[in-house]
C-alpha atoms as a PDB file:
ATOM      1  CA  MET A   1      16.962  -3.964   9.881  1.00  0.00           C
ATOM      2  CA  SER A   2      18.479  -5.097  13.184  1.00  0.00           C
ATOM      3  CA  ASP A   3      15.690  -7.626  13.792  1.00  0.00           C
ATOM      4  CA  THR A   4      16.051  -9.246  10.360  1.00  0.00           C
ATOM      5  CA  PRO A   5      17.191 -12.876  10.628  1.00  0.00           C
ATOM      6  CA  HIS A   6      20.632 -13.784   9.298  1.00  0.00           C
ATOM      7  CA  GLY A   7      20.554 -14.654   5.623  1.00  0.00           C
ATOM      8  CA  ALA A   8      17.472 -12.528   4.915  1.00  0.00           C
ATOM      9  CA  ILE A   9      17.272  -9.344   2.875  1.00  0.00           C
ATOM     10  CA  GLY A  10      16.910  -6.686   5.547  1.00  0.00           C
ATOM     11  CA  TRP A  11      16.777  -3.512   3.483  1.00  0.00           C
ATOM     12  CA  VAL A  12      16.908  -2.121  -0.038  1.00  0.00           C
ATOM     13  CA  ASP A  13      18.016   1.285  -1.191  1.00  0.00           C
ATOM     14  CA  LEU A  14      19.008   3.252  -4.242  1.00  0.00           C
ATOM     15  CA  THR A  15      22.047   5.554  -4.352  1.00  0.00           C
ATOM     16  CA  VAL A  16      21.969   8.296  -6.990  1.00  0.00           C
ATOM     17  CA  PRO A  17      23.540  11.685  -7.729  1.00  0.00           C
ATOM     18  CA  ASP A  18      20.189  13.543  -7.433  1.00  0.00           C
ATOM     19  CA  ALA A  19      18.388  11.900  -4.505  1.00  0.00           C
ATOM     20  CA  PRO A  20      15.557  14.488  -4.208  1.00  0.00           C
ATOM     21  CA  ALA A  21      14.574  14.017  -7.867  1.00  0.00           C
ATOM     22  CA  ILE A  22      14.515  10.222  -7.572  1.00  0.00           C
ATOM     23  CA  ARG A  23      12.729  10.460  -4.200  1.00  0.00           C
ATOM     24  CA  ASP A  24      10.008  12.493  -5.914  1.00  0.00           C
ATOM     25  CA  PHE A  25       9.874  10.082  -8.869  1.00  0.00           C
ATOM     26  CA  TYR A  26       9.206   7.048  -6.645  1.00  0.00           C
ATOM     27  CA  ALA A  27       6.829   8.999  -4.411  1.00  0.00           C
ATOM     28  CA  ALA A  28       4.741   9.760  -7.505  1.00  0.00           C
ATOM     29  CA  VAL A  29       5.034   6.327  -9.154  1.00  0.00           C
ATOM     30  CA  ALA A  30       4.686   4.091  -6.077  1.00  0.00           C
ATOM     31  CA  GLY A  31       2.695   6.405  -3.822  1.00  0.00           C
ATOM     32  CA  TRP A  32       5.442   6.286  -1.209  1.00  0.00           C
ATOM     33  CA  GLN A  33       5.599   9.002   1.397  1.00  0.00           C
ATOM     34  CA  THR A  34       9.051  10.262   2.329  1.00  0.00           C
ATOM     35  CA  ALA A  35      10.943  11.039   5.505  1.00  0.00           C
ATOM     36  CA  PRO A  36      14.361  12.692   5.671  1.00  0.00           C
ATOM     37  CA  VAL A  37      17.284  10.866   7.289  1.00  0.00           C
ATOM     38  CA  ASP A  38      19.944  13.253   8.603  1.00  0.00           C
ATOM     39  CA  MET A  39      23.346  12.329   7.220  1.00  0.00           C
ATOM     40  CA  GLY A  40      25.240  15.186   8.859  1.00  0.00           C
ATOM     41  CA  GLY A  41      24.976  18.087   6.442  1.00  0.00           C
ATOM     42  CA  TYR A  42      22.431  16.630   4.029  1.00  0.00           C
ATOM     43  CA  ASP A  43      19.429  14.304   4.057  1.00  0.00           C
ATOM     44  CA  ASP A  44      18.933  10.883   2.521  1.00  0.00           C
ATOM     45  CA  PHE A  45      15.355   9.604   2.468  1.00  0.00           C
ATOM     46  CA  ASN A  46      13.288   6.754   3.815  1.00  0.00           C
ATOM     47  CA  MET A  47      10.464   5.790   1.509  1.00  0.00           C
ATOM     48  CA  ILE A  48       7.339   5.039   3.550  1.00  0.00           C
ATOM     49  CA  SER A  49       4.491   2.691   2.635  1.00  0.00           C
ATOM     50  CA  PRO A  50       1.225   4.648   2.643  1.00  0.00           C
ATOM     51  CA  ALA A  51      -0.585   1.453   3.683  1.00  0.00           C
ATOM     52  CA  THR A  52       1.493   0.683   6.784  1.00  0.00           C
ATOM     53  CA  GLY A  53       3.415   3.870   7.577  1.00  0.00           C
ATOM     54  CA  ASN A  54       6.609   1.778   7.718  1.00  0.00           C
ATOM     55  CA  PRO A  55       9.820   2.444   5.798  1.00  0.00           C
ATOM     56  CA  VAL A  56      10.172   0.068   2.839  1.00  0.00           C
ATOM     57  CA  ALA A  57      13.259   1.439   1.066  1.00  0.00           C
ATOM     58  CA  GLY A  58      15.788   4.243   0.997  1.00  0.00           C
ATOM     59  CA  VAL A  59      16.958   6.768  -1.553  1.00  0.00           C
ATOM     60  CA  CYS A  60      20.491   7.993  -0.890  1.00  0.00           C
ATOM     61  CA  HIS A  61      22.901  10.575  -2.253  1.00  0.00           C
ATOM     62  CA  ALA A  62      26.002   9.266  -4.035  1.00  0.00           C
ATOM     63  CA  ARG A  63      28.330  10.970  -1.556  1.00  0.00           C
ATOM     64  CA  GLY A  64      31.034   9.977   0.898  1.00  0.00           C
ATOM     65  CA  GLN A  65      31.105   6.228   1.467  1.00  0.00           C
ATOM     66  CA  ASN A  66      28.292   5.852  -1.094  1.00  0.00           C
ATOM     67  CA  ALA A  67      30.105   7.724  -3.892  1.00  0.00           C
ATOM     68  CA  ALA A  68      31.191   4.489  -5.622  1.00  0.00           C
ATOM     69  CA  VAL A  69      27.842   2.709  -5.292  1.00  0.00           C
ATOM     70  CA  PRO A  70      26.193   2.341  -8.716  1.00  0.00           C
ATOM     71  CA  PRO A  71      22.671   3.713  -9.296  1.00  0.00           C
ATOM     72  CA  GLN A  72      20.767   0.447  -8.928  1.00  0.00           C
ATOM     73  CA  TRP A  73      18.515  -1.007  -6.259  1.00  0.00           C
ATOM     74  CA  LEU A  74      20.852  -2.475  -3.649  1.00  0.00           C
ATOM     75  CA  ILE A  75      19.871  -5.330  -1.339  1.00  0.00           C
ATOM     76  CA  TYR A  76      21.344  -5.608   2.163  1.00  0.00           C
ATOM     77  CA  ILE A  77      21.807  -9.219   3.263  1.00  0.00           C
ATOM     78  CA  THR A  78      21.928  -9.612   7.039  1.00  0.00           C
ATOM     79  CA  VAL A  79      24.876 -11.711   8.250  1.00  0.00           C
ATOM     80  CA  GLU A  80      25.960 -12.865  11.683  1.00  0.00           C
ATOM     81  CA  GLU A  81      29.557 -11.674  11.330  1.00  0.00           C
ATOM     82  CA  LEU A  82      30.360  -9.090   8.675  1.00  0.00           C
ATOM     83  CA  ALA A  83      34.137  -9.610   8.652  1.00  0.00           C
ATOM     84  CA  ALA A  84      33.894 -13.382   8.133  1.00  0.00           C
ATOM     85  CA  SER A  85      31.178 -13.131   5.469  1.00  0.00           C
ATOM     86  CA  ALA A  86      32.979 -10.367   3.568  1.00  0.00           C
ATOM     87  CA  LYS A  87      36.283 -12.248   3.731  1.00  0.00           C
ATOM     88  CA  LEU A  88      34.652 -15.366   2.311  1.00  0.00           C
ATOM     89  CA  ALA A  89      32.906 -13.348  -0.420  1.00  0.00           C
ATOM     90  CA  LEU A  90      36.249 -11.821  -1.439  1.00  0.00           C
ATOM     91  CA  GLU A  91      37.938 -15.241  -1.435  1.00  0.00           C
ATOM     92  CA  LEU A  92      35.149 -16.545  -3.680  1.00  0.00           C
ATOM     93  CA  GLY A  93      35.679 -13.794  -6.255  1.00  0.00           C
ATOM     94  CA  ALA A  94      33.725 -10.770  -5.013  1.00  0.00           C
ATOM     95  CA  ALA A  95      35.224  -7.274  -5.132  1.00  0.00           C
ATOM     96  CA  LEU A  96      34.814  -4.570  -2.497  1.00  0.00           C
ATOM     97  CA  VAL A  97      32.903  -1.548  -3.852  1.00  0.00           C
ATOM     98  CA  SER A  98      32.669   0.547  -0.669  1.00  0.00           C
ATOM     99  CA  GLY A  99      32.589   0.385   3.075  1.00  0.00           C
ATOM    100  CA  ALA A 100      34.694  -1.445   5.605  1.00  0.00           C
ATOM    101  CA  PRO A 101      34.244  -5.213   5.694  1.00  0.00           C
ATOM    102  CA  GLU A 102      34.192  -5.233   9.484  1.00  0.00           C
ATOM    103  CA  ALA A 103      31.713  -4.214  12.163  1.00  0.00           C
ATOM    104  CA  GLY A 104      31.989  -2.575  15.534  1.00  0.00           C
ATOM    105  CA  PRO A 105      29.493  -2.447  18.399  1.00  0.00           C
ATOM    106  CA  GLU A 106      27.227  -0.261  16.225  1.00  0.00           C
ATOM    107  CA  GLY A 107      27.192  -2.898  13.476  1.00  0.00           C
ATOM    108  CA  GLY A 108      28.325  -2.196   9.960  1.00  0.00           C
ATOM    109  CA  TYR A 109      28.002  -2.908   6.284  1.00  0.00           C
ATOM    110  CA  CYS A 110      30.011  -3.096   3.104  1.00  0.00           C
ATOM    111  CA  VAL A 111      29.057  -3.116  -0.568  1.00  0.00           C
ATOM    112  CA  LEU A 112      30.461  -5.841  -2.803  1.00  0.00           C
ATOM    113  CA  ARG A 113      30.277  -6.886  -6.455  1.00  0.00           C
ATOM    114  CA  ASP A 114      29.756 -10.633  -6.884  1.00  0.00           C
ATOM    115  CA  PRO A 115      31.656 -12.686  -9.499  1.00  0.00           C
ATOM    116  CA  ALA A 116      28.817 -12.162 -12.020  1.00  0.00           C
ATOM    117  CA  GLY A 117      28.952  -8.369 -11.550  1.00  0.00           C
ATOM    118  CA  ALA A 118      25.855  -7.934  -9.364  1.00  0.00           C
ATOM    119  CA  VAL A 119      26.242  -5.429  -6.532  1.00  0.00           C
ATOM    120  CA  PHE A 120      24.949  -6.228  -3.021  1.00  0.00           C
ATOM    121  CA  ALA A 121      25.618  -5.265   0.575  1.00  0.00           C
ATOM    122  CA  LEU A 122      26.336  -7.353   3.646  1.00  0.00           C
ATOM    123  CA  TYR A 123      24.980  -5.963   6.912  1.00  0.00           C
ATOM    124  CA  GLN A 124      25.712  -6.862  10.550  1.00  0.00           C
ATOM    125  CA  ALA A 125      23.316  -5.515  13.168  1.00  0.00           C
ATOM    126  CA  PRO A 126      24.592  -3.593  16.200  1.00  0.00           C
ATOM    127  CA  ALA A 127      25.595  -5.664  19.199  1.00  0.00           C
ATOM    128  CA  SER A 128      22.731  -6.104  21.618  1.00  0.00           C
END
């Protein structure tokens, strides 16, 4: 996602209480292969395109920082500066769902609900 241009959708994932069951559902329905992503005590999952071998989406557990994220496909919009974009979104009527609306050298993201109720994430890549 770090090479995604600003303003583009850089990633999509789904956060659910039973990630292995939903991982298996999409693997069967879409033909995606899966790869575990170590989250420090449990695994989330990258969903891999069988045609390219590249990750195309994620399936995540509704735990920790993701506990408040609703079970819907979530887009990550790449922004140049997370803090400024999140601040503007909040001023324009968004609400913070989870995450810190600021980034450090390793980048960062936060999940917001827009004024119409749609949930999305803003993502800032790590500093190069």
